[in-house]
Amino acid sequence: MNDPDEIRRLLDESTLWFVVGLGNSPERTAYGVAAALQARGKRIVPIHPRAEVVHGEQGYATIAEAAAAVGTPDVVDVFVRSDRAGAFADQAVAVGAGAVWFQLGVVDEAAAQRVRDAGRVMVMDTCPLIEWRRR
């Protein structure tokens, strides 16, 4: 987990990122990180119960709805509390996402193991912006 080569590959080669917890609240971390992902050429898809349009991208209430509409995500980036993150990791695996990324402070070891057991890349307790700065 958090393999530097895998993280580098995700940052360089992925294009479609589902951002769980992304709504139209500029004061929330997810909002700024999603904007930064877009600035680096990633297509972001908001996953939020309100299914709002954020940064010009239509949101969806669930990962499954988003995958049906726009395709399989390269990365599902999770901005929810640790006690809720595992369900989103399972949903990401179910739609065939290539990787699950739990944001800084989001930790669920059991969910991370399920993701790895499914043969997917797991990144936990860090942020793409932090990882870009490390390179």
Protein backbone atom coordinates (compact mmCIF):
# COMPACT_ATOMS: atom_id res chain seq x y z
CA MET A 1 0.00 0.00 0.00
CA ASN A 2 1.12 3.57 -0.76
CA ASP A 3 3.75 2.20 -3.11
CA PRO A 4 5.61 5.24 -4.52
CA ASP A 5 5.74 3.75 -8.02
CA GLU A 6 2.00 3.06 -8.02
CA ILE A 7 1.26 6.55 -6.73
CA ARG A 8 3.46 8.05 -9.45
CA ARG A 9 1.67 5.95 -12.09
CA LEU A 10 -1.75 7.06 -10.82
CA LEU A 11 -0.73 10.71 -10.85
CA ASP A 12 0.84 10.48 -14.31
CA GLU A 13 -1.36 8.05 -16.22
CA SER A 14 -4.86 8.14 -14.78
CA THR A 15 -7.51 10.36 -16.34
CA LEU A 16 -10.92 9.68 -14.74
CA TRP A 17 -11.24 10.38 -10.99
CA PHE A 18 -14.47 9.93 -9.06
CA VAL A 19 -14.34 12.22 -6.01
CA VAL A 20 -16.53 10.90 -3.20
CA GLY A 21 -17.83 13.67 -0.94
CA LEU A 22 -17.36 16.44 -3.51
CA GLY A 23 -20.07 19.07 -3.34
CA ASN A 24 -20.33 22.78 -4.07
CA SER A 25 -18.69 23.96 -0.85
CA PRO A 26 -15.49 25.90 -1.64
CA GLU A 27 -14.43 25.74 2.01
CA ARG A 28 -14.22 21.93 1.88
CA THR A 29 -10.90 20.27 1.07
CA ALA A 30 -12.46 18.07 -1.63
CA TYR A 31 -13.45 21.17 -3.59
CA GLY A 32 -9.90 22.50 -3.81
CA VAL A 33 -8.31 19.12 -4.48
CA ALA A 34 -10.80 18.44 -7.28
CA ALA A 35 -9.93 21.79 -8.87
CA ALA A 36 -6.24 20.91 -8.65
CA LEU A 37 -6.89 17.53 -10.25
CA GLN A 38 -8.68 19.26 -13.11
CA ALA A 39 -5.82 21.72 -13.50
CA ARG A 40 -3.52 18.71 -13.97
CA GLY A 41 -5.69 17.29 -16.75
CA LYS A 42 -7.84 14.86 -14.78
CA ARG A 43 -11.56 14.57 -15.37
CA ILE A 44 -13.30 14.66 -12.01
CA VAL A 45 -16.76 13.28 -11.33
CA PRO A 46 -18.45 14.39 -8.09
CA ILE A 47 -20.02 11.63 -6.00
CA HIS A 48 -22.36 13.18 -3.46
CA PRO A 49 -25.96 12.55 -2.35
CA ARG A 50 -27.01 15.94 -3.80
CA ALA A 51 -25.51 15.05 -7.23
CA GLU A 52 -24.52 18.67 -7.81
CA VAL A 53 -22.61 20.05 -10.76
CA VAL A 54 -19.16 20.94 -9.40
CA HIS A 55 -16.32 22.51 -11.39
CA GLY A 56 -18.49 22.07 -14.50
CA GLU A 57 -18.89 18.31 -14.03
CA GLN A 58 -22.23 16.62 -13.37
CA GLY A 59 -22.36 14.88 -10.01
CA TYR A 60 -23.91 11.53 -9.21
CA ALA A 61 -25.42 10.17 -6.02
CA THR A 62 -23.54 6.86 -6.21
CA ILE A 63 -20.41 5.40 -7.72
CA ALA A 64 -22.51 2.90 -9.67
CA GLU A 65 -24.63 5.66 -11.25
CA ALA A 66 -21.52 7.58 -12.23
CA ALA A 67 -19.83 4.52 -13.71
CA ALA A 68 -22.94 3.72 -15.76
CA ALA A 69 -23.01 7.29 -17.09
CA VAL A 70 -19.33 8.09 -17.71
CA GLY A 71 -17.41 4.81 -17.52
CA THR A 72 -15.10 2.99 -15.17
CA PRO A 73 -12.97 5.29 -13.03
CA ASP A 74 -9.22 5.01 -12.92
CA VAL A 75 -9.28 6.27 -9.33
CA VAL A 76 -11.99 6.67 -6.70
CA ASP A 77 -10.79 9.41 -4.34
CA VAL A 78 -12.60 9.22 -0.98
CA PHE A 79 -13.23 12.33 1.17
CA VAL A 80 -15.48 10.91 3.87
CA ARG A 81 -14.95 9.89 7.48
CA SER A 82 -13.01 6.70 8.04
CA ASP A 83 -16.08 4.89 9.40
CA ARG A 84 -17.87 5.45 6.07
CA ALA A 85 -14.94 4.95 3.69
CA GLY A 86 -15.07 1.16 3.49
CA ALA A 87 -18.47 1.12 1.81
CA PHE A 88 -17.15 3.41 -0.93
CA ALA A 89 -14.06 1.26 -1.36
CA ASP A 90 -16.32 -1.76 -1.88
CA GLN A 91 -18.43 0.15 -4.40
CA ALA A 92 -15.28 1.22 -6.26
CA VAL A 93 -14.12 -2.38 -6.53
CA ALA A 94 -17.61 -3.45 -7.66
CA VAL A 95 -17.52 -1.10 -10.66
CA GLY A 96 -13.96 -2.10 -11.59
CA ALA A 97 -12.08 1.02 -10.49
CA GLY A 98 -8.34 0.67 -10.95
CA ALA A 99 -7.49 2.28 -7.63
CA VAL A 100 -9.00 3.55 -4.41
CA TRP A 101 -7.45 6.59 -2.75
CA PHE A 102 -8.36 7.46 0.85
CA GLN A 103 -7.56 11.08 1.58
CA LEU A 104 -5.41 12.41 4.39
CA GLY A 105 -6.88 11.25 7.71
CA VAL A 106 -9.09 8.57 6.13
CA VAL A 107 -7.95 5.19 7.42
CA ASP A 108 -9.71 1.83 7.21
CA GLU A 109 -7.26 -1.08 7.21
CA ALA A 110 -9.94 -3.72 6.58
CA ALA A 111 -11.27 -1.85 3.54
CA ALA A 112 -7.73 -1.34 2.26
CA GLN A 113 -7.12 -5.08 2.51
CA ARG A 114 -10.33 -5.82 0.58
CA VAL A 115 -9.20 -3.46 -2.18
CA ARG A 116 -5.78 -5.11 -2.37
CA ASP A 117 -7.35 -8.59 -2.26
CA ALA A 118 -9.41 -7.57 -5.29
CA GLY A 119 -6.17 -6.79 -7.14
CA ARG A 120 -6.64 -3.02 -7.08
CA VAL A 121 -4.19 -0.31 -6.06
CA MET A 122 -4.84 1.16 -2.61
CA VAL A 123 -3.54 4.52 -1.40
CA MET A 124 -4.46 5.60 2.11
CA ASP A 125 -4.06 8.61 4.40
CA THR A 126 -2.47 10.98 1.89
CA CYS A 127 -3.50 13.47 -0.77
CA PRO A 128 -2.61 13.72 -4.47
CA LEU A 129 -1.44 17.30 -3.90
CA ILE A 130 0.99 16.15 -1.22
CA GLU A 131 2.24 13.40 -3.47
CA TRP A 132 2.75 15.75 -6.44
CA ARG A 133 4.84 18.03 -4.21
CA ARG A 134 7.06 15.09 -3.20
CA ARG A 135 8.11 14.44 -6.79
